[in-house]
Amino acid sequence: MFVRKENVEAGGLMSYSADGLDLHRRSASYIDRILKGEKPAELPVQQATKFELVINNKTAKAIGLTIPESFLVRADEVIE
């Protein structure tokens, strides 16, 4: 189990983490607000709201693991 999608693309079994693109978009909005004069200490803390599940089915098969179809359909990306 990994945090980064790149590890799964390199052969890891699966990852579940906050969507990096969504985090960058949120960061940009914070930067915009700061550049417009808001004080960073007064900005609300935000948590990630969008997560991504990536499964490497090729790796699963290589180690003899069968991932149920019901789990695969929930994944955001399945690497065959």
PDB file of N, CA and C in Angstrom:
ATOM      1  N   MET A   1       0.859  -1.175   0.000  1.00  0.00           N
ATOM      2  CA  MET A   1       0.000   0.000   0.000  1.00  0.00           C
ATOM      3  C   MET A   1       0.895   1.225   0.000  1.00  0.00           C
ATOM      4  N   PHE A   2       0.615   2.141  -0.898  1.00  0.00           N
ATOM      5  CA  PHE A   2       1.427   3.350  -1.043  1.00  0.00           C
ATOM      6  C   PHE A   2       0.567   4.599  -0.939  1.00  0.00           C
ATOM      7  N   VAL A   3       1.240   5.708  -0.746  1.00  0.00           N
ATOM      8  CA  VAL A   3       0.564   7.004  -0.692  1.00  0.00           C
ATOM      9  C   VAL A   3       0.561   7.660  -2.065  1.00  0.00           C
ATOM     10  N   ARG A   4       1.571   7.375  -2.855  1.00  0.00           N
ATOM     11  CA  ARG A   4       1.696   8.049  -4.144  1.00  0.00           C
ATOM     12  C   ARG A   4       1.334   7.126  -5.312  1.00  0.00           C
ATOM     13  N   LYS A   5       0.607   7.666  -6.242  1.00  0.00           N
ATOM     14  CA  LYS A   5       0.203   6.945  -7.441  1.00  0.00           C
ATOM     15  C   LYS A   5       1.421   6.482  -8.244  1.00  0.00           C
ATOM     16  N   GLU A   6       2.472   7.262  -8.223  1.00  0.00           N
ATOM     17  CA  GLU A   6       3.677   6.946  -8.991  1.00  0.00           C
ATOM     18  C   GLU A   6       4.284   5.608  -8.569  1.00  0.00           C
ATOM     19  N   ASN A   7       4.165   5.267  -7.273  1.00  0.00           N
ATOM     20  CA  ASN A   7       4.674   3.982  -6.788  1.00  0.00           C
ATOM     21  C   ASN A   7       3.912   2.817  -7.408  1.00  0.00           C
ATOM     22  N   VAL A   8       2.632   2.994  -7.606  1.00  0.00           N
ATOM     23  CA  VAL A   8       1.807   1.951  -8.203  1.00  0.00           C
ATOM     24  C   VAL A   8       2.124   1.832  -9.691  1.00  0.00           C
ATOM     25  N   GLU A   9       2.331   2.944 -10.347  1.00  0.00           N
ATOM     26  CA  GLU A   9       2.710   2.919 -11.757  1.00  0.00           C
ATOM     27  C   GLU A   9       4.058   2.232 -11.953  1.00  0.00           C
ATOM     28  N   ALA A  10       4.903   2.271 -10.923  1.00  0.00           N
ATOM     29  CA  ALA A  10       6.223   1.640 -10.986  1.00  0.00           C
ATOM     30  C   ALA A  10       6.184   0.174 -10.553  1.00  0.00           C
ATOM     31  N   GLY A  11       5.004  -0.344 -10.182  1.00  0.00           N
ATOM     32  CA  GLY A  11       4.901  -1.750  -9.844  1.00  0.00           C
ATOM     33  C   GLY A  11       4.322  -2.057  -8.486  1.00  0.00           C
ATOM     34  N   GLY A  12       4.025  -1.045  -7.682  1.00  0.00           N
ATOM     35  CA  GLY A  12       3.407  -1.280  -6.381  1.00  0.00           C
ATOM     36  C   GLY A  12       1.984  -1.786  -6.542  1.00  0.00           C
ATOM     37  N   LEU A  13       1.430  -2.363  -5.503  1.00  0.00           N
ATOM     38  CA  LEU A  13       0.107  -2.980  -5.590  1.00  0.00           C
ATOM     39  C   LEU A  13      -1.028  -1.956  -5.644  1.00  0.00           C
ATOM     40  N   MET A  14      -1.065  -1.023  -4.692  1.00  0.00           N
ATOM     41  CA  MET A  14      -2.154  -0.037  -4.699  1.00  0.00           C
ATOM     42  C   MET A  14      -1.786   1.193  -3.890  1.00  0.00           C
ATOM     43  N   SER A  15      -2.518   2.270  -4.152  1.00  0.00           N
ATOM     44  CA  SER A  15      -2.332   3.499  -3.386  1.00  0.00           C
ATOM     45  C   SER A  15      -3.690   4.123  -3.119  1.00  0.00           C
ATOM     46  N   TYR A  16      -3.753   4.822  -2.009  1.00  0.00           N
ATOM     47  CA  TYR A  16      -4.948   5.580  -1.659  1.00  0.00           C
ATOM     48  C   TYR A  16      -4.469   6.862  -1.012  1.00  0.00           C
ATOM     49  N   SER A  17      -4.781   7.967  -1.638  1.00  0.00           N
ATOM     50  CA  SER A  17      -4.297   9.245  -1.117  1.00  0.00           C
ATOM     51  C   SER A  17      -5.142  10.390  -1.637  1.00  0.00           C
ATOM     52  N   ALA A  18      -4.880  11.545  -1.076  1.00  0.00           N
ATOM     53  CA  ALA A  18      -5.543  12.762  -1.555  1.00  0.00           C
ATOM     54  C   ALA A  18      -5.126  13.012  -2.997  1.00  0.00           C
ATOM     55  N   ASP A  19      -6.048  13.490  -3.795  1.00  0.00           N
ATOM     56  CA  ASP A  19      -5.785  13.794  -5.198  1.00  0.00           C
ATOM     57  C   ASP A  19      -4.823  14.980  -5.269  1.00  0.00           C
ATOM     58  N   GLY A  20      -3.636  14.752  -5.813  1.00  0.00           N
ATOM     59  CA  GLY A  20      -2.595  15.783  -5.881  1.00  0.00           C
ATOM     60  C   GLY A  20      -3.019  17.007  -6.669  1.00  0.00           C
ATOM     61  N   LEU A  21      -3.710  16.817  -7.776  1.00  0.00           N
ATOM     62  CA  LEU A  21      -4.155  17.945  -8.588  1.00  0.00           C
ATOM     63  C   LEU A  21      -5.140  18.816  -7.809  1.00  0.00           C
ATOM     64  N   ASP A  22      -6.033  18.179  -7.075  1.00  0.00           N
ATOM     65  CA  ASP A  22      -6.985  18.928  -6.252  1.00  0.00           C
ATOM     66  C   ASP A  22      -6.259  19.725  -5.167  1.00  0.00           C
ATOM     67  N   LEU A  23      -5.235  19.131  -4.552  1.00  0.00           N
ATOM     68  CA  LEU A  23      -4.453  19.841  -3.533  1.00  0.00           C
ATOM     69  C   LEU A  23      -3.746  21.054  -4.114  1.00  0.00           C
ATOM     70  N   HIS A  24      -3.217  20.926  -5.328  1.00  0.00           N
ATOM     71  CA  HIS A  24      -2.554  22.060  -5.961  1.00  0.00           C
ATOM     72  C   HIS A  24      -3.546  23.178  -6.262  1.00  0.00           C
ATOM     73  N   ARG A  25      -4.736  22.816  -6.683  1.00  0.00           N
ATOM     74  CA  ARG A  25      -5.767  23.839  -6.944  1.00  0.00           C
ATOM     75  C   ARG A  25      -6.118  24.591  -5.661  1.00  0.00           C
ATOM     76  N   ARG A  26      -6.248  23.844  -4.574  1.00  0.00           N
ATOM     77  CA  ARG A  26      -6.551  24.480  -3.285  1.00  0.00           C
ATOM     78  C   ARG A  26      -5.414  25.407  -2.854  1.00  0.00           C
ATOM     79  N   SER A  27      -4.191  24.967  -3.074  1.00  0.00           N
ATOM     80  CA  SER A  27      -3.026  25.796  -2.726  1.00  0.00           C
ATOM     81  C   SER A  27      -3.044  27.094  -3.514  1.00  0.00           C
ATOM     82  N   ALA A  28      -3.386  26.994  -4.784  1.00  0.00           N
ATOM     83  CA  ALA A  28      -3.424  28.198  -5.635  1.00  0.00           C
ATOM     84  C   ALA A  28      -4.444  29.205  -5.114  1.00  0.00           C
ATOM     85  N   SER A  29      -5.578  28.707  -4.628  1.00  0.00           N
ATOM     86  CA  SER A  29      -6.583  29.646  -4.109  1.00  0.00           C
ATOM     87  C   SER A  29      -6.082  30.330  -2.836  1.00  0.00           C
ATOM     88  N   TYR A  30      -5.339  29.597  -2.008  1.00  0.00           N
ATOM     89  CA  TYR A  30      -4.750  30.199  -0.805  1.00  0.00           C
ATOM     90  C   TYR A  30      -3.720  31.259  -1.189  1.00  0.00           C
ATOM     91  N   ILE A  31      -2.877  30.953  -2.135  1.00  0.00           N
ATOM     92  CA  ILE A  31      -1.854  31.911  -2.583  1.00  0.00           C
ATOM     93  C   ILE A  31      -2.519  33.158  -3.114  1.00  0.00           C
ATOM     94  N   ASP A  32      -3.578  32.985  -3.892  1.00  0.00           N
ATOM     95  CA  ASP A  32      -4.310  34.128  -4.438  1.00  0.00           C
ATOM     96  C   ASP A  32      -4.860  35.011  -3.316  1.00  0.00           C
ATOM     97  N   ARG A  33      -5.434  34.400  -2.309  1.00  0.00           N
ATOM     98  CA  ARG A  33      -5.991  35.169  -1.190  1.00  0.00           C
ATOM     99  C   ARG A  33      -4.903  35.910  -0.417  1.00  0.00           C
ATOM    100  N   ILE A  34      -3.752  35.263  -0.242  1.00  0.00           N
ATOM    101  CA  ILE A  34      -2.637  35.904   0.467  1.00  0.00           C
ATOM    102  C   ILE A  34      -2.103  37.077  -0.332  1.00  0.00           C
ATOM    103  N   LEU A  35      -1.954  36.890  -1.645  1.00  0.00           N
ATOM    104  CA  LEU A  35      -1.450  37.974  -2.497  1.00  0.00           C
ATOM    105  C   LEU A  35      -2.424  39.150  -2.561  1.00  0.00           C
ATOM    106  N   LYS A  36      -3.690  38.888  -2.296  1.00  0.00           N
ATOM    107  CA  LYS A  36      -4.691  39.957  -2.277  1.00  0.00           C
ATOM    108  C   LYS A  36      -4.786  40.628  -0.911  1.00  0.00           C
ATOM    109  N   GLY A  37      -3.921  40.205   0.047  1.00  0.00           N
ATOM    110  CA  GLY A  37      -3.837  40.909   1.315  1.00  0.00           C
ATOM    111  C   GLY A  37      -4.348  40.186   2.546  1.00  0.00           C
ATOM    112  N   GLU A  38      -4.938  39.019   2.391  1.00  0.00           N
ATOM    113  CA  GLU A  38      -5.412  38.300   3.578  1.00  0.00           C
ATOM    114  C   GLU A  38      -4.217  37.766   4.363  1.00  0.00           C
ATOM    115  N   LYS A  39      -4.380  37.726   5.667  1.00  0.00           N
ATOM    116  CA  LYS A  39      -3.311  37.231   6.529  1.00  0.00           C
ATOM    117  C   LYS A  39      -3.361  35.699   6.571  1.00  0.00           C
ATOM    118  N   PRO A  40      -2.237  35.039   6.318  1.00  0.00           N
ATOM    119  CA  PRO A  40      -2.220  33.568   6.322  1.00  0.00           C
ATOM    120  C   PRO A  40      -2.744  32.966   7.626  1.00  0.00           C
ATOM    121  N   ALA A  41      -2.456  33.585   8.750  1.00  0.00           N
ATOM    122  CA  ALA A  41      -2.891  33.054  10.044  1.00  0.00           C
ATOM    123  C   ALA A  41      -4.413  33.096  10.208  1.00  0.00           C
ATOM    124  N   GLU A  42      -5.077  33.914   9.402  1.00  0.00           N
ATOM    125  CA  GLU A  42      -6.527  34.031   9.518  1.00  0.00           C
ATOM    126  C   GLU A  42      -7.282  33.149   8.524  1.00  0.00           C
ATOM    127  N   LEU A  43      -6.553  32.477   7.636  1.00  0.00           N
ATOM    128  CA  LEU A  43      -7.206  31.605   6.667  1.00  0.00           C
ATOM    129  C   LEU A  43      -7.583  30.282   7.335  1.00  0.00           C
ATOM    130  N   PRO A  44      -8.732  29.747   6.994  1.00  0.00           N
ATOM    131  CA  PRO A  44      -9.155  28.487   7.618  1.00  0.00           C
ATOM    132  C   PRO A  44      -8.294  27.315   7.139  1.00  0.00           C
ATOM    133  N   VAL A  45      -8.129  26.359   8.019  1.00  0.00           N
ATOM    134  CA  VAL A  45      -7.415  25.131   7.662  1.00  0.00           C
ATOM    135  C   VAL A  45      -8.377  24.257   6.870  1.00  0.00           C
ATOM    136  N   GLN A  46      -7.893  23.703   5.770  1.00  0.00           N
ATOM    137  CA  GLN A  46      -8.730  22.829   4.954  1.00  0.00           C
ATOM    138  C   GLN A  46      -8.110  21.445   4.889  1.00  0.00           C
ATOM    139  N   GLN A  47      -8.972  20.454   4.853  1.00  0.00           N
ATOM    140  CA  GLN A  47      -8.517  19.088   4.673  1.00  0.00           C
ATOM    141  C   GLN A  47      -8.884  18.633   3.271  1.00  0.00           C
ATOM    142  N   ALA A  48      -8.166  17.660   2.790  1.00  0.00           N
ATOM    143  CA  ALA A  48      -8.461  17.109   1.472  1.00  0.00           C
ATOM    144  C   ALA A  48      -9.879  16.539   1.460  1.00  0.00           C
ATOM    145  N   THR A  49     -10.558  16.706   0.350  1.00  0.00           N
ATOM    146  CA  THR A  49     -11.910  16.180   0.213  1.00  0.00           C
ATOM    147  C   THR A  49     -12.027  15.203  -0.940  1.00  0.00           C
ATOM    148  N   LYS A  50     -11.017  15.174  -1.799  1.00  0.00           N
ATOM    149  CA  LYS A  50     -11.036  14.276  -2.944  1.00  0.00           C
ATOM    150  C   LYS A  50      -9.868  13.300  -2.823  1.00  0.00           C
ATOM    151  N   PHE A  51     -10.183  12.011  -2.858  1.00  0.00           N
ATOM    152  CA  PHE A  51      -9.163  10.980  -2.723  1.00  0.00           C
ATOM    153  C   PHE A  51      -9.151  10.083  -3.953  1.00  0.00           C
ATOM    154  N   GLU A  52      -8.031   9.396  -4.148  1.00  0.00           N
ATOM    155  CA  GLU A  52      -7.851   8.592  -5.344  1.00  0.00           C
ATOM    156  C   GLU A  52      -7.327   7.198  -4.967  1.00  0.00           C
ATOM    157  N   LEU A  53      -8.000   6.174  -5.470  1.00  0.00           N
ATOM    158  CA  LEU A  53      -7.585   4.788  -5.277  1.00  0.00           C
ATOM    159  C   LEU A  53      -7.074   4.255  -6.606  1.00  0.00           C
ATOM    160  N   VAL A  54      -5.817   3.806  -6.604  1.00  0.00           N
ATOM    161  CA  VAL A  54      -5.194   3.261  -7.816  1.00  0.00           C
ATOM    162  C   VAL A  54      -4.744   1.838  -7.498  1.00  0.00           C
ATOM    163  N   ILE A  55      -5.093   0.903  -8.384  1.00  0.00           N
ATOM    164  CA  ILE A  55      -4.753  -0.508  -8.191  1.00  0.00           C
ATOM    165  C   ILE A  55      -3.959  -0.992  -9.393  1.00  0.00           C
ATOM    166  N   ASN A  56      -2.872  -1.702  -9.116  1.00  0.00           N
ATOM    167  CA  ASN A  56      -2.080  -2.317 -10.177  1.00  0.00           C
ATOM    168  C   ASN A  56      -2.470  -3.789 -10.230  1.00  0.00           C
ATOM    169  N   ASN A  57      -3.390  -4.112 -11.131  1.00  0.00           N
ATOM    170  CA  ASN A  57      -3.887  -5.480 -11.239  1.00  0.00           C
ATOM    171  C   ASN A  57      -2.812  -6.420 -11.790  1.00  0.00           C
ATOM    172  N   LYS A  58      -1.894  -5.883 -12.562  1.00  0.00           N
ATOM    173  CA  LYS A  58      -0.789  -6.684 -13.094  1.00  0.00           C
ATOM    174  C   LYS A  58       0.087  -7.195 -11.939  1.00  0.00           C
ATOM    175  N   THR A  59       0.375  -6.328 -10.983  1.00  0.00           N
ATOM    176  CA  THR A  59       1.158  -6.725  -9.810  1.00  0.00           C
ATOM    177  C   THR A  59       0.391  -7.730  -8.965  1.00  0.00           C
ATOM    178  N   ALA A  60      -0.909  -7.501  -8.798  1.00  0.00           N
ATOM    179  CA  ALA A  60      -1.732  -8.423  -8.013  1.00  0.00           C
ATOM    180  C   ALA A  60      -1.667  -9.827  -8.599  1.00  0.00           C
ATOM    181  N   LYS A  61      -1.796  -9.933  -9.912  1.00  0.00           N
ATOM    182  CA  LYS A  61      -1.740 -11.243 -10.568  1.00  0.00           C
ATOM    183  C   LYS A  61      -0.358 -11.870 -10.414  1.00  0.00           C
ATOM    184  N   ALA A  62       0.692 -11.048 -10.477  1.00  0.00           N
ATOM    185  CA  ALA A  62       2.061 -11.556 -10.370  1.00  0.00           C
ATOM    186  C   ALA A  62       2.342 -12.168  -8.999  1.00  0.00           C
ATOM    187  N   ILE A  63       1.679 -11.655  -7.959  1.00  0.00           N
ATOM    188  CA  ILE A  63       1.903 -12.209  -6.613  1.00  0.00           C
ATOM    189  C   ILE A  63       0.806 -13.191  -6.210  1.00  0.00           C
ATOM    190  N   GLY A  64      -0.060 -13.524  -7.169  1.00  0.00           N
ATOM    191  CA  GLY A  64      -1.097 -14.524  -6.915  1.00  0.00           C
ATOM    192  C   GLY A  64      -2.295 -14.011  -6.142  1.00  0.00           C
ATOM    193  N   LEU A  65      -2.529 -12.718  -6.199  1.00  0.00           N
ATOM    194  CA  LEU A  65      -3.645 -12.105  -5.479  1.00  0.00           C
ATOM    195  C   LEU A  65      -4.779 -11.802  -6.450  1.00  0.00           C
ATOM    196  N   THR A  66      -5.968 -12.251  -6.119  1.00  0.00           N
ATOM    197  CA  THR A  66      -7.139 -11.943  -6.935  1.00  0.00           C
ATOM    198  C   THR A  66      -7.924 -10.843  -6.231  1.00  0.00           C
ATOM    199  N   ILE A  67      -8.025  -9.713  -6.887  1.00  0.00           N
ATOM    200  CA  ILE A  67      -8.775  -8.589  -6.312  1.00  0.00           C
ATOM    201  C   ILE A  67     -10.210  -8.687  -6.814  1.00  0.00           C
ATOM    202  N   PRO A  68     -11.184  -8.688  -5.918  1.00  0.00           N
ATOM    203  CA  PRO A  68     -12.582  -8.827  -6.326  1.00  0.00           C
ATOM    204  C   PRO A  68     -13.013  -7.710  -7.287  1.00  0.00           C
ATOM    205  N   GLU A  69     -13.834  -8.084  -8.235  1.00  0.00           N
ATOM    206  CA  GLU A  69     -14.332  -7.129  -9.226  1.00  0.00           C
ATOM    207  C   GLU A  69     -15.048  -5.960  -8.547  1.00  0.00           C
ATOM    208  N   SER A  70     -15.751  -6.241  -7.460  1.00  0.00           N
ATOM    209  CA  SER A  70     -16.474  -5.184  -6.744  1.00  0.00           C
ATOM    210  C   SER A  70     -15.521  -4.120  -6.189  1.00  0.00           C
ATOM    211  N   PHE A  71     -14.296  -4.525  -5.880  1.00  0.00           N
ATOM    212  CA  PHE A  71     -13.284  -3.574  -5.402  1.00  0.00           C
ATOM    213  C   PHE A  71     -12.651  -2.828  -6.575  1.00  0.00           C
ATOM    214  N   LEU A  72     -12.409  -3.538  -7.671  1.00  0.00           N
ATOM    215  CA  LEU A  72     -11.800  -2.914  -8.850  1.00  0.00           C
ATOM    216  C   LEU A  72     -12.679  -1.814  -9.438  1.00  0.00           C
ATOM    217  N   VAL A  73     -13.997  -2.015  -9.430  1.00  0.00           N
ATOM    218  CA  VAL A  73     -14.889  -1.000 -10.009  1.00  0.00           C
ATOM    219  C   VAL A  73     -14.930   0.270  -9.164  1.00  0.00           C
ATOM    220  N   ARG A  74     -14.542   0.167  -7.907  1.00  0.00           N
ATOM    221  CA  ARG A  74     -14.506   1.355  -7.045  1.00  0.00           C
ATOM    222  C   ARG A  74     -13.232   2.174  -7.228  1.00  0.00           C
ATOM    223  N   ALA A  75     -12.220   1.574  -7.835  1.00  0.00           N
ATOM    224  CA  ALA A  75     -10.950   2.257  -8.027  1.00  0.00           C
ATOM    225  C   ALA A  75     -11.084   3.386  -9.044  1.00  0.00           C
ATOM    226  N   ASP A  76     -10.309   4.438  -8.830  1.00  0.00           N
ATOM    227  CA  ASP A  76     -10.287   5.547  -9.784  1.00  0.00           C
ATOM    228  C   ASP A  76      -9.465   5.166 -11.021  1.00  0.00           C
ATOM    229  N   GLU A  77      -8.493   4.277 -10.814  1.00  0.00           N
ATOM    230  CA  GLU A  77      -7.663   3.810 -11.925  1.00  0.00           C
ATOM    231  C   GLU A  77      -7.192   2.398 -11.635  1.00  0.00           C
ATOM    232  N   VAL A  78      -7.265   1.542 -12.656  1.00  0.00           N
ATOM    233  CA  VAL A  78      -6.763   0.172 -12.555  1.00  0.00           C
ATOM    234  C   VAL A  78      -5.719  -0.006 -13.650  1.00  0.00           C
ATOM    235  N   ILE A  79      -4.526  -0.393 -13.244  1.00  0.00           N
ATOM    236  CA  ILE A  79      -3.440  -0.627 -14.193  1.00  0.00           C
ATOM    237  C   ILE A  79      -3.459  -2.107 -14.528  1.00  0.00           C
ATOM    238  N   GLU A  80      -3.602  -2.408 -15.809  1.00  0.00           N
ATOM    239  CA  GLU A  80      -3.661  -3.805 -16.255  1.00  0.00           C
ATOM    240  C   GLU A  80      -2.314  -4.227 -16.697  1.00  0.00           C
TER     241      GLU A  80
END
